[in-house]
């Protein structure tokens, strides 16, 4: 399964995305639409580290890296 799909599934399942799963596109604004908040960012970081083996540094905990699924995938790609 691709990283974007794993992240999408996590947001729908664990963060209880209230919209339709098909609305959760790679460019859907996660922070702007309050899909994730600061606590959600930490949950996603925990998921990235435990399930995807990506270590996220403190200086990478900025909104730009978590604005969309695409930006989260970009963060993962930069780490590999």
C-alpha atoms as a PDB file:
ATOM      1  CA  UNK A   1       0.000   0.000   0.000  1.00  0.00           C
ATOM      2  CA  UNK A   2       1.310   3.461  -0.867  1.00  0.00           C
ATOM      3  CA  UNK A   3       2.261   5.933   1.852  1.00  0.00           C
ATOM      4  CA  UNK A   4      -0.497   8.348   0.834  1.00  0.00           C
ATOM      5  CA  UNK A   5      -3.127   5.613   1.165  1.00  0.00           C
ATOM      6  CA  UNK A   6      -1.754   4.513   4.542  1.00  0.00           C
ATOM      7  CA  UNK A   7      -1.926   8.117   5.787  1.00  0.00           C
ATOM      8  CA  UNK A   8      -5.445   8.524   4.369  1.00  0.00           C
ATOM      9  CA  UNK A   9      -6.576   5.303   6.083  1.00  0.00           C
ATOM     10  CA  UNK A  10      -5.021   6.498   9.369  1.00  0.00           C
ATOM     11  CA  UNK A  11      -6.809   9.858   9.177  1.00  0.00           C
ATOM     12  CA  UNK A  12     -10.152   8.196   8.419  1.00  0.00           C
ATOM     13  CA  UNK A  13      -9.778   5.405  10.990  1.00  0.00           C
ATOM     14  CA  UNK A  14      -7.784   6.841  13.870  1.00  0.00           C
ATOM     15  CA  UNK A  15      -8.510  10.566  13.620  1.00  0.00           C
ATOM     16  CA  UNK A  16     -12.173   9.956  12.718  1.00  0.00           C
ATOM     17  CA  UNK A  17     -12.355  12.120   9.599  1.00  0.00           C
ATOM     18  CA  UNK A  18     -15.978  13.259   9.466  1.00  0.00           C
ATOM     19  CA  UNK A  19     -16.211  13.740   5.701  1.00  0.00           C
ATOM     20  CA  UNK A  20     -16.429  11.218   2.911  1.00  0.00           C
ATOM     21  CA  UNK A  21     -13.166   9.268   2.431  1.00  0.00           C
ATOM     22  CA  UNK A  22     -13.170  10.183  -1.281  1.00  0.00           C
ATOM     23  CA  UNK A  23     -13.055  13.883  -0.304  1.00  0.00           C
ATOM     24  CA  UNK A  24      -9.711  13.279   1.388  1.00  0.00           C
ATOM     25  CA  UNK A  25      -7.563  13.906  -1.689  1.00  0.00           C
ATOM     26  CA  UNK A  26      -3.795  14.426  -1.643  1.00  0.00           C
ATOM     27  CA  UNK A  27      -4.334  18.208  -1.739  1.00  0.00           C
ATOM     28  CA  UNK A  28      -7.232  18.428   0.752  1.00  0.00           C
ATOM     29  CA  UNK A  29      -6.291  21.105   3.348  1.00  0.00           C
ATOM     30  CA  UNK A  30      -6.064  19.109   6.590  1.00  0.00           C
ATOM     31  CA  UNK A  31      -5.257  21.956   8.973  1.00  0.00           C
ATOM     32  CA  UNK A  32      -7.431  24.547   7.252  1.00  0.00           C
ATOM     33  CA  UNK A  33     -10.464  22.247   7.414  1.00  0.00           C
ATOM     34  CA  UNK A  34      -9.669  21.204  10.992  1.00  0.00           C
ATOM     35  CA  UNK A  35      -9.199  17.553  10.053  1.00  0.00           C
ATOM     36  CA  UNK A  36      -6.085  17.568  12.222  1.00  0.00           C
ATOM     37  CA  UNK A  37      -4.991  19.867  15.017  1.00  0.00           C
ATOM     38  CA  UNK A  38      -1.803  19.985  17.065  1.00  0.00           C
ATOM     39  CA  UNK A  39      -2.751  16.742  18.820  1.00  0.00           C
ATOM     40  CA  UNK A  40      -3.520  15.167  15.445  1.00  0.00           C
ATOM     41  CA  UNK A  41      -0.066  16.131  14.202  1.00  0.00           C
ATOM     42  CA  UNK A  42       1.499  14.247  17.106  1.00  0.00           C
ATOM     43  CA  UNK A  43      -0.720  11.235  16.396  1.00  0.00           C
ATOM     44  CA  UNK A  44       0.366  11.288  12.743  1.00  0.00           C
ATOM     45  CA  UNK A  45       4.033  11.616  13.769  1.00  0.00           C
ATOM     46  CA  UNK A  46       3.629   8.634  16.072  1.00  0.00           C
ATOM     47  CA  UNK A  47       2.065   6.668  13.202  1.00  0.00           C
ATOM     48  CA  UNK A  48       4.855   7.687  10.792  1.00  0.00           C
ATOM     49  CA  UNK A  49       7.515   6.624  13.274  1.00  0.00           C
ATOM     50  CA  UNK A  50       5.954   3.354  14.427  1.00  0.00           C
ATOM     51  CA  UNK A  51       4.294   2.109  11.227  1.00  0.00           C
ATOM     52  CA  UNK A  52       6.354   3.665   8.449  1.00  0.00           C
ATOM     53  CA  UNK A  53       9.743   3.808  10.189  1.00  0.00           C
ATOM     54  CA  UNK A  54      10.205   7.530   9.552  1.00  0.00           C
ATOM     55  CA  UNK A  55      11.798   9.583  12.312  1.00  0.00           C
ATOM     56  CA  UNK A  56      10.419  13.123  12.433  1.00  0.00           C
ATOM     57  CA  UNK A  57      12.704  15.712  14.012  1.00  0.00           C
ATOM     58  CA  UNK A  58      11.373  18.486  16.260  1.00  0.00           C
ATOM     59  CA  UNK A  59      12.282  21.160  13.702  1.00  0.00           C
ATOM     60  CA  UNK A  60      10.063  19.378  11.157  1.00  0.00           C
ATOM     61  CA  UNK A  61       6.964  19.765  13.345  1.00  0.00           C
ATOM     62  CA  UNK A  62       5.724  22.762  11.385  1.00  0.00           C
ATOM     63  CA  UNK A  63       2.267  23.248   9.849  1.00  0.00           C
ATOM     64  CA  UNK A  64       3.625  23.240   6.278  1.00  0.00           C
ATOM     65  CA  UNK A  65       4.699  19.595   6.664  1.00  0.00           C
ATOM     66  CA  UNK A  66       1.194  18.539   7.743  1.00  0.00           C
ATOM     67  CA  UNK A  67      -1.040  20.809   5.664  1.00  0.00           C
ATOM     68  CA  UNK A  68      -2.050  18.069   3.205  1.00  0.00           C
ATOM     69  CA  UNK A  69      -1.509  14.373   2.649  1.00  0.00           C
ATOM     70  CA  UNK A  70       0.804  15.394  -0.197  1.00  0.00           C
ATOM     71  CA  UNK A  71       2.959  17.473   2.166  1.00  0.00           C
ATOM     72  CA  UNK A  72       3.162  14.578   4.670  1.00  0.00           C
ATOM     73  CA  UNK A  73       4.230  12.233   1.852  1.00  0.00           C
ATOM     74  CA  UNK A  74       6.824  14.854   0.845  1.00  0.00           C
ATOM     75  CA  UNK A  75       8.184  14.858   4.387  1.00  0.00           C
ATOM     76  CA  UNK A  76       8.467  11.056   4.276  1.00  0.00           C
ATOM     77  CA  UNK A  77      10.194  11.162   0.878  1.00  0.00           C
ATOM     78  CA  UNK A  78      12.713  13.734   2.150  1.00  0.00           C
ATOM     79  CA  UNK A  79      13.570  11.414   5.069  1.00  0.00           C
ATOM     80  CA  UNK A  80      14.279   8.319   2.991  1.00  0.00           C
END
